[in-house]
Amino acid sequence: MKNNAFKIVLFLFINSYATLVIAVLRDPFHQSDRLTCQAQTQMLISQIQDWQFIGMVQQSNNQYRQIWLTKDNQWLAITDNLIPNELFPWSIESLQHDKIFWQAQLAHYCHDKVTWIMPIHK
């Protein structure tokens, strides 16, 4: 009797584990294939390096600033550091008179970030 009860419990455990594994494998949002940190870095740099600085509008008291970028007949306006979706996950780290420092966070398992320096040609 005890042997049969043990077999039933073992069967139920194995069955529930198998059901869980199958559910995870079929989940389209479960990413089992991780990109290497180097591949992520290359993808992010290729995403931003094609954009070029075109101009900037700024009030004299620095309350309002709008940066214009272009790429392949596309224009992006970045107002008050609100980054458009086309540049996600990049953000402006700092803006100097001759360059913009961009920064993007890599996946959590990389524990790193990428920096890109965009020259400003006036």
C-alpha atoms as a PDB file:
ATOM      1  CA  MET A   1       0.000   0.000   0.000  1.00  0.00           C
ATOM      2  CA  LYS A   2       2.798   2.417   0.921  1.00  0.00           C
ATOM      3  CA  ASN A   3       4.624   1.513  -2.269  1.00  0.00           C
ATOM      4  CA  ASN A   4       1.574   2.357  -4.397  1.00  0.00           C
ATOM      5  CA  ALA A   5       1.081   5.691  -2.606  1.00  0.00           C
ATOM      6  CA  PHE A   6       4.735   6.579  -3.217  1.00  0.00           C
ATOM      7  CA  LYS A   7       4.387   5.711  -6.910  1.00  0.00           C
ATOM      8  CA  ILE A   8       1.274   7.876  -7.212  1.00  0.00           C
ATOM      9  CA  VAL A   9       2.957  10.852  -5.522  1.00  0.00           C
ATOM     10  CA  LEU A  10       6.064  10.404  -7.700  1.00  0.00           C
ATOM     11  CA  PHE A  11       3.923  10.166 -10.830  1.00  0.00           C
ATOM     12  CA  LEU A  12       2.004  13.345  -9.908  1.00  0.00           C
ATOM     13  CA  PHE A  13       5.243  15.217  -9.222  1.00  0.00           C
ATOM     14  CA  ILE A  14       6.834  14.161 -12.536  1.00  0.00           C
ATOM     15  CA  ASN A  15       3.622  14.953 -14.428  1.00  0.00           C
ATOM     16  CA  SER A  16       3.309  18.451 -12.933  1.00  0.00           C
ATOM     17  CA  TYR A  17       7.008  19.164 -13.576  1.00  0.00           C
ATOM     18  CA  ALA A  18       6.671  18.060 -17.214  1.00  0.00           C
ATOM     19  CA  THR A  19       3.571  20.237 -17.639  1.00  0.00           C
ATOM     20  CA  LEU A  20       5.449  23.237 -16.258  1.00  0.00           C
ATOM     21  CA  VAL A  21       8.452  22.674 -18.549  1.00  0.00           C
ATOM     22  CA  ILE A  22       6.212  22.358 -21.601  1.00  0.00           C
ATOM     23  CA  ALA A  23       4.345  25.543 -20.656  1.00  0.00           C
ATOM     24  CA  VAL A  24       7.593  27.480 -20.304  1.00  0.00           C
ATOM     25  CA  LEU A  25       8.953  26.185 -23.602  1.00  0.00           C
ATOM     26  CA  ARG A  26       5.765  27.177 -25.418  1.00  0.00           C
ATOM     27  CA  ASP A  27       5.652  30.656 -23.867  1.00  0.00           C
ATOM     28  CA  PRO A  28       6.460  33.151 -26.680  1.00  0.00           C
ATOM     29  CA  PHE A  29       7.630  35.721 -24.136  1.00  0.00           C
ATOM     30  CA  HIS A  30      10.090  33.371 -22.437  1.00  0.00           C
ATOM     31  CA  GLN A  31      13.458  34.124 -23.956  1.00  0.00           C
ATOM     32  CA  SER A  32      15.647  31.101 -23.576  1.00  0.00           C
ATOM     33  CA  ASP A  33      18.126  32.261 -26.196  1.00  0.00           C
ATOM     34  CA  ARG A  34      20.152  35.044 -24.678  1.00  0.00           C
ATOM     35  CA  LEU A  35      22.158  37.369 -26.846  1.00  0.00           C
ATOM     36  CA  THR A  36      25.749  37.736 -25.845  1.00  0.00           C
ATOM     37  CA  CYS A  37      26.668  41.057 -24.290  1.00  0.00           C
ATOM     38  CA  GLN A  38      28.955  41.750 -27.253  1.00  0.00           C
ATOM     39  CA  ALA A  39      26.097  41.124 -29.719  1.00  0.00           C
ATOM     40  CA  GLN A  40      23.828  43.471 -27.753  1.00  0.00           C
ATOM     41  CA  THR A  41      26.520  46.143 -27.800  1.00  0.00           C
ATOM     42  CA  GLN A  42      26.961  45.813 -31.561  1.00  0.00           C
ATOM     43  CA  MET A  43      23.200  45.995 -32.171  1.00  0.00           C
ATOM     44  CA  LEU A  44      22.813  49.106 -30.035  1.00  0.00           C
ATOM     45  CA  ILE A  45      25.757  50.885 -31.649  1.00  0.00           C
ATOM     46  CA  SER A  46      24.483  50.083 -35.137  1.00  0.00           C
ATOM     47  CA  GLN A  47      21.083  51.464 -34.060  1.00  0.00           C
ATOM     48  CA  ILE A  48      22.451  54.866 -33.042  1.00  0.00           C
ATOM     49  CA  GLN A  49      25.517  55.431 -35.198  1.00  0.00           C
ATOM     50  CA  ASP A  50      23.525  56.159 -38.355  1.00  0.00           C
ATOM     51  CA  TRP A  51      21.740  59.120 -36.778  1.00  0.00           C
ATOM     52  CA  GLN A  52      23.351  62.506 -37.359  1.00  0.00           C
ATOM     53  CA  PHE A  53      22.959  65.728 -35.453  1.00  0.00           C
ATOM     54  CA  ILE A  54      21.307  68.431 -37.588  1.00  0.00           C
ATOM     55  CA  GLY A  55      20.610  71.240 -35.196  1.00  0.00           C
ATOM     56  CA  MET A  56      19.355  72.457 -31.864  1.00  0.00           C
ATOM     57  CA  VAL A  57      16.879  75.039 -30.651  1.00  0.00           C
ATOM     58  CA  GLN A  58      17.498  76.334 -27.162  1.00  0.00           C
ATOM     59  CA  GLN A  59      16.181  79.217 -25.100  1.00  0.00           C
ATOM     60  CA  SER A  60      18.755  81.562 -23.646  1.00  0.00           C
ATOM     61  CA  ASN A  61      17.804  80.543 -20.089  1.00  0.00           C
ATOM     62  CA  ASN A  62      18.159  76.800 -20.964  1.00  0.00           C
ATOM     63  CA  GLN A  63      14.543  76.110 -19.932  1.00  0.00           C
ATOM     64  CA  TYR A  64      13.693  74.579 -23.315  1.00  0.00           C
ATOM     65  CA  ARG A  65      15.883  72.585 -25.675  1.00  0.00           C
ATOM     66  CA  GLN A  66      15.077  70.681 -28.836  1.00  0.00           C
ATOM     67  CA  ILE A  67      17.657  68.517 -30.625  1.00  0.00           C
ATOM     68  CA  TRP A  68      17.168  67.472 -34.245  1.00  0.00           C
ATOM     69  CA  LEU A  69      18.593  64.247 -35.698  1.00  0.00           C
ATOM     70  CA  THR A  70      18.302  62.743 -39.170  1.00  0.00           C
ATOM     71  CA  LYS A  71      18.851  59.365 -40.827  1.00  0.00           C
ATOM     72  CA  ASP A  72      17.756  58.148 -44.270  1.00  0.00           C
ATOM     73  CA  ASN A  73      15.182  60.931 -44.775  1.00  0.00           C
ATOM     74  CA  GLN A  74      13.797  60.452 -41.253  1.00  0.00           C
ATOM     75  CA  TRP A  75      13.784  63.301 -38.768  1.00  0.00           C
ATOM     76  CA  LEU A  76      13.666  63.037 -35.009  1.00  0.00           C
ATOM     77  CA  ALA A  77      13.033  65.846 -32.567  1.00  0.00           C
ATOM     78  CA  ILE A  78      14.184  65.292 -29.006  1.00  0.00           C
ATOM     79  CA  THR A  79      12.512  67.810 -26.733  1.00  0.00           C
ATOM     80  CA  ASP A  80      13.652  68.181 -23.129  1.00  0.00           C
ATOM     81  CA  ASN A  81      15.463  64.809 -23.281  1.00  0.00           C
ATOM     82  CA  LEU A  82      12.291  62.857 -24.152  1.00  0.00           C
ATOM     83  CA  ILE A  83      13.739  60.189 -26.435  1.00  0.00           C
ATOM     84  CA  PRO A  84      11.526  58.891 -29.290  1.00  0.00           C
ATOM     85  CA  ASN A  85      10.813  55.153 -29.536  1.00  0.00           C
ATOM     86  CA  GLU A  86      13.153  54.839 -32.524  1.00  0.00           C
ATOM     87  CA  LEU A  87      16.102  55.389 -30.206  1.00  0.00           C
ATOM     88  CA  PHE A  88      14.949  53.189 -27.324  1.00  0.00           C
ATOM     89  CA  PRO A  89      16.819  52.216 -25.056  1.00  0.00           C
ATOM     90  CA  TRP A  90      19.239  55.109 -25.608  1.00  0.00           C
ATOM     91  CA  SER A  91      19.203  58.201 -23.426  1.00  0.00           C
ATOM     92  CA  ILE A  92      21.240  61.396 -23.437  1.00  0.00           C
ATOM     93  CA  GLU A  93      23.862  61.207 -20.723  1.00  0.00           C
ATOM     94  CA  SER A  94      25.285  64.672 -21.339  1.00  0.00           C
ATOM     95  CA  LEU A  95      25.405  67.396 -23.954  1.00  0.00           C
ATOM     96  CA  GLN A  96      28.545  69.385 -24.578  1.00  0.00           C
ATOM     97  CA  HIS A  97      29.254  72.137 -27.074  1.00  0.00           C
ATOM     98  CA  ASP A  98      30.814  69.721 -29.591  1.00  0.00           C
ATOM     99  CA  LYS A  99      29.291  66.285 -28.785  1.00  0.00           C
ATOM    100  CA  ILE A 100      26.364  64.378 -27.317  1.00  0.00           C
ATOM    101  CA  PHE A 101      27.052  61.464 -24.977  1.00  0.00           C
ATOM    102  CA  TRP A 102      24.441  58.729 -25.407  1.00  0.00           C
ATOM    103  CA  GLN A 103      24.025  55.800 -23.043  1.00  0.00           C
ATOM    104  CA  ALA A 104      22.064  52.530 -23.225  1.00  0.00           C
ATOM    105  CA  GLN A 105      21.704  49.845 -20.606  1.00  0.00           C
ATOM    106  CA  LEU A 106      22.443  46.271 -21.668  1.00  0.00           C
ATOM    107  CA  ALA A 107      20.356  43.337 -20.425  1.00  0.00           C
ATOM    108  CA  HIS A 108      20.487  42.761 -16.687  1.00  0.00           C
ATOM    109  CA  TYR A 109      22.676  39.677 -17.010  1.00  0.00           C
ATOM    110  CA  CYS A 110      25.398  41.764 -18.702  1.00  0.00           C
ATOM    111  CA  HIS A 111      25.675  44.246 -15.819  1.00  0.00           C
ATOM    112  CA  ASP A 112      26.987  46.898 -18.186  1.00  0.00           C
ATOM    113  CA  LYS A 113      26.014  49.855 -20.349  1.00  0.00           C
ATOM    114  CA  VAL A 114      27.079  51.199 -23.725  1.00  0.00           C
ATOM    115  CA  THR A 115      28.167  54.759 -24.419  1.00  0.00           C
ATOM    116  CA  TRP A 116      28.167  56.394 -27.838  1.00  0.00           C
ATOM    117  CA  ILE A 117      29.597  59.845 -28.604  1.00  0.00           C
ATOM    118  CA  MET A 118      27.802  61.728 -31.363  1.00  0.00           C
ATOM    119  CA  PRO A 119      29.727  64.692 -32.778  1.00  0.00           C
ATOM    120  CA  ILE A 120      27.955  68.027 -33.143  1.00  0.00           C
ATOM    121  CA  HIS A 121      28.964  69.805 -36.326  1.00  0.00           C
ATOM    122  CA  LYS A 122      27.865  73.414 -36.312  1.00  0.00           C
END
